[in-house]
């Protein structure tokens, strides 16, 4: 059984007797990517409001979840069309991860409303 230590209230490092440089690097990369994603999602939420989870519904009447699915499909299509050049467009990959997080939040909100 592993003990968990909270680092910056967002990332957990598993306590082991000794972590290899590879494990330390892996954990560092997770923290770096998630911190970057957190910053982007919060900045966009401030800039655009809560438009992903509470859209204005001016044109589309689809549910927020369905609209997020469409955005996810668009990002997946773009990545698929890039083929082996996907690493050249890190923004698309980060956007996809962001939309998946927003989708997860949307599902969580629906669950909390039902409770």
C-alpha atoms as a PDB file:
ATOM      1  CA  UNK A   1       0.000   0.000   0.000  1.00  0.00           C
ATOM      2  CA  UNK A   2       1.347   3.437  -0.975  1.00  0.00           C
ATOM      3  CA  UNK A   3       1.004   6.627   1.026  1.00  0.00           C
ATOM      4  CA  UNK A   4       0.075   9.726  -0.916  1.00  0.00           C
ATOM      5  CA  UNK A   5       1.557  13.158  -0.316  1.00  0.00           C
ATOM      6  CA  UNK A   6      -0.315  16.201  -1.614  1.00  0.00           C
ATOM      7  CA  UNK A   7       1.904  18.540  -3.602  1.00  0.00           C
ATOM      8  CA  UNK A   8       0.460  22.037  -4.294  1.00  0.00           C
ATOM      9  CA  UNK A   9      -3.036  20.681  -3.556  1.00  0.00           C
ATOM     10  CA  UNK A  10      -3.260  19.205  -7.063  1.00  0.00           C
ATOM     11  CA  UNK A  11      -0.616  16.571  -7.716  1.00  0.00           C
ATOM     12  CA  UNK A  12       0.093  13.467  -5.681  1.00  0.00           C
ATOM     13  CA  UNK A  13       3.518  11.916  -5.461  1.00  0.00           C
ATOM     14  CA  UNK A  14       3.689   8.313  -4.362  1.00  0.00           C
ATOM     15  CA  UNK A  15       6.136   7.836  -1.516  1.00  0.00           C
ATOM     16  CA  UNK A  16       8.655   5.155  -2.297  1.00  0.00           C
ATOM     17  CA  UNK A  17      11.988   4.403  -0.672  1.00  0.00           C
ATOM     18  CA  UNK A  18      13.700   5.794  -3.733  1.00  0.00           C
ATOM     19  CA  UNK A  19      12.275   7.119  -6.950  1.00  0.00           C
ATOM     20  CA  UNK A  20      14.227   6.626 -10.130  1.00  0.00           C
ATOM     21  CA  UNK A  21      15.099   9.670 -12.234  1.00  0.00           C
ATOM     22  CA  UNK A  22      12.573   8.377 -14.776  1.00  0.00           C
ATOM     23  CA  UNK A  23       9.787   8.294 -12.154  1.00  0.00           C
ATOM     24  CA  UNK A  24      10.695  11.767 -10.901  1.00  0.00           C
ATOM     25  CA  UNK A  25      10.696  13.074 -14.487  1.00  0.00           C
ATOM     26  CA  UNK A  26       7.345  11.400 -15.194  1.00  0.00           C
ATOM     27  CA  UNK A  27       5.731  12.938 -12.118  1.00  0.00           C
ATOM     28  CA  UNK A  28       7.237  16.320 -12.948  1.00  0.00           C
ATOM     29  CA  UNK A  29       5.844  16.157 -16.488  1.00  0.00           C
ATOM     30  CA  UNK A  30       2.369  15.277 -15.195  1.00  0.00           C
ATOM     31  CA  UNK A  31       2.450  18.273 -12.862  1.00  0.00           C
ATOM     32  CA  UNK A  32       3.725  20.577 -15.627  1.00  0.00           C
ATOM     33  CA  UNK A  33       1.049  19.533 -18.149  1.00  0.00           C
ATOM     34  CA  UNK A  34      -1.824  19.602 -15.651  1.00  0.00           C
ATOM     35  CA  UNK A  35      -0.740  23.003 -14.313  1.00  0.00           C
ATOM     36  CA  UNK A  36      -0.614  24.369 -17.867  1.00  0.00           C
ATOM     37  CA  UNK A  37      -4.047  22.915 -18.637  1.00  0.00           C
ATOM     38  CA  UNK A  38      -5.497  24.273 -15.389  1.00  0.00           C
ATOM     39  CA  UNK A  39      -4.187  27.754 -16.219  1.00  0.00           C
ATOM     40  CA  UNK A  40      -5.621  27.659 -19.763  1.00  0.00           C
ATOM     41  CA  UNK A  41      -9.057  26.430 -18.661  1.00  0.00           C
ATOM     42  CA  UNK A  42      -9.331  29.037 -15.911  1.00  0.00           C
ATOM     43  CA  UNK A  43      -8.137  31.842 -18.220  1.00  0.00           C
ATOM     44  CA  UNK A  44     -10.646  30.852 -20.908  1.00  0.00           C
ATOM     45  CA  UNK A  45     -13.430  30.611 -18.326  1.00  0.00           C
ATOM     46  CA  UNK A  46     -12.633  34.145 -17.154  1.00  0.00           C
ATOM     47  CA  UNK A  47     -12.354  35.446 -20.725  1.00  0.00           C
ATOM     48  CA  UNK A  48     -15.423  33.730 -22.229  1.00  0.00           C
ATOM     49  CA  UNK A  49     -17.522  33.021 -19.166  1.00  0.00           C
ATOM     50  CA  UNK A  50     -18.894  29.564 -18.547  1.00  0.00           C
ATOM     51  CA  UNK A  51     -19.817  29.173 -22.223  1.00  0.00           C
ATOM     52  CA  UNK A  52     -18.787  25.520 -22.479  1.00  0.00           C
ATOM     53  CA  UNK A  53     -21.029  24.372 -19.630  1.00  0.00           C
ATOM     54  CA  UNK A  54     -23.710  27.070 -19.905  1.00  0.00           C
ATOM     55  CA  UNK A  55     -23.861  28.083 -23.580  1.00  0.00           C
ATOM     56  CA  UNK A  56     -25.979  31.077 -24.703  1.00  0.00           C
ATOM     57  CA  UNK A  57     -27.920  28.825 -27.134  1.00  0.00           C
ATOM     58  CA  UNK A  58     -28.226  31.547 -29.750  1.00  0.00           C
ATOM     59  CA  UNK A  59     -27.918  29.180 -32.710  1.00  0.00           C
ATOM     60  CA  UNK A  60     -27.518  25.645 -31.376  1.00  0.00           C
ATOM     61  CA  UNK A  61     -30.063  24.253 -28.945  1.00  0.00           C
ATOM     62  CA  UNK A  62     -28.009  21.139 -28.201  1.00  0.00           C
ATOM     63  CA  UNK A  63     -27.176  20.307 -24.600  1.00  0.00           C
ATOM     64  CA  UNK A  64     -23.806  21.410 -23.215  1.00  0.00           C
ATOM     65  CA  UNK A  65     -22.672  17.770 -23.202  1.00  0.00           C
ATOM     66  CA  UNK A  66     -23.624  17.322 -26.849  1.00  0.00           C
ATOM     67  CA  UNK A  67     -21.867  20.555 -27.819  1.00  0.00           C
ATOM     68  CA  UNK A  68     -18.718  19.403 -25.999  1.00  0.00           C
ATOM     69  CA  UNK A  69     -18.911  16.063 -27.842  1.00  0.00           C
ATOM     70  CA  UNK A  70     -18.998  17.961 -31.146  1.00  0.00           C
ATOM     71  CA  UNK A  71     -15.939  19.987 -30.155  1.00  0.00           C
ATOM     72  CA  UNK A  72     -14.161  16.794 -29.085  1.00  0.00           C
ATOM     73  CA  UNK A  73     -15.054  15.168 -32.418  1.00  0.00           C
ATOM     74  CA  UNK A  74     -13.695  18.223 -34.263  1.00  0.00           C
ATOM     75  CA  UNK A  75     -10.377  18.016 -32.390  1.00  0.00           C
ATOM     76  CA  UNK A  76     -10.125  14.261 -32.977  1.00  0.00           C
ATOM     77  CA  UNK A  77     -10.823  14.804 -36.665  1.00  0.00           C
ATOM     78  CA  UNK A  78      -8.116  17.449 -36.866  1.00  0.00           C
ATOM     79  CA  UNK A  79      -5.637  15.142 -35.116  1.00  0.00           C
ATOM     80  CA  UNK A  80      -6.604  12.245 -37.393  1.00  0.00           C
ATOM     81  CA  UNK A  81      -6.081  14.397 -40.480  1.00  0.00           C
ATOM     82  CA  UNK A  82      -2.625  15.425 -39.276  1.00  0.00           C
ATOM     83  CA  UNK A  83      -1.404  11.857 -39.359  1.00  0.00           C
ATOM     84  CA  UNK A  84       2.144  11.614 -38.101  1.00  0.00           C
ATOM     85  CA  UNK A  85       2.444  15.415 -37.812  1.00  0.00           C
ATOM     86  CA  UNK A  86       0.278  15.504 -34.666  1.00  0.00           C
ATOM     87  CA  UNK A  87       3.252  16.535 -32.527  1.00  0.00           C
ATOM     88  CA  UNK A  88       3.492  19.745 -34.568  1.00  0.00           C
ATOM     89  CA  UNK A  89       0.157  20.990 -33.223  1.00  0.00           C
ATOM     90  CA  UNK A  90       0.381  20.647 -29.465  1.00  0.00           C
ATOM     91  CA  UNK A  91      -2.388  23.244 -29.070  1.00  0.00           C
ATOM     92  CA  UNK A  92      -4.904  20.890 -30.690  1.00  0.00           C
ATOM     93  CA  UNK A  93      -3.902  18.068 -28.355  1.00  0.00           C
ATOM     94  CA  UNK A  94      -4.098  20.372 -25.324  1.00  0.00           C
ATOM     95  CA  UNK A  95      -7.496  21.665 -26.523  1.00  0.00           C
ATOM     96  CA  UNK A  96      -8.741  18.087 -26.805  1.00  0.00           C
ATOM     97  CA  UNK A  97      -7.630  17.296 -23.264  1.00  0.00           C
ATOM     98  CA  UNK A  98      -9.275  20.526 -22.087  1.00  0.00           C
ATOM     99  CA  UNK A  99     -12.580  19.645 -23.748  1.00  0.00           C
ATOM    100  CA  UNK A 100     -12.440  16.184 -22.170  1.00  0.00           C
ATOM    101  CA  UNK A 101     -11.947  17.802 -18.753  1.00  0.00           C
ATOM    102  CA  UNK A 102     -14.888  20.131 -19.409  1.00  0.00           C
ATOM    103  CA  UNK A 103     -16.984  17.125 -20.460  1.00  0.00           C
ATOM    104  CA  UNK A 104     -16.044  15.344 -17.237  1.00  0.00           C
ATOM    105  CA  UNK A 105     -17.022  18.451 -15.228  1.00  0.00           C
ATOM    106  CA  UNK A 106     -20.341  18.568 -17.078  1.00  0.00           C
ATOM    107  CA  UNK A 107     -21.053  14.938 -16.199  1.00  0.00           C
ATOM    108  CA  UNK A 108     -20.032  15.577 -12.591  1.00  0.00           C
ATOM    109  CA  UNK A 109     -22.385  18.574 -12.420  1.00  0.00           C
ATOM    110  CA  UNK A 110     -25.270  16.456 -13.750  1.00  0.00           C
ATOM    111  CA  UNK A 111     -24.561  13.817 -11.088  1.00  0.00           C
ATOM    112  CA  UNK A 112     -24.480  16.437  -8.313  1.00  0.00           C
ATOM    113  CA  UNK A 113     -27.769  17.934  -9.494  1.00  0.00           C
ATOM    114  CA  UNK A 114     -29.459  14.515  -9.351  1.00  0.00           C
ATOM    115  CA  UNK A 115     -28.283  13.899  -5.772  1.00  0.00           C
END
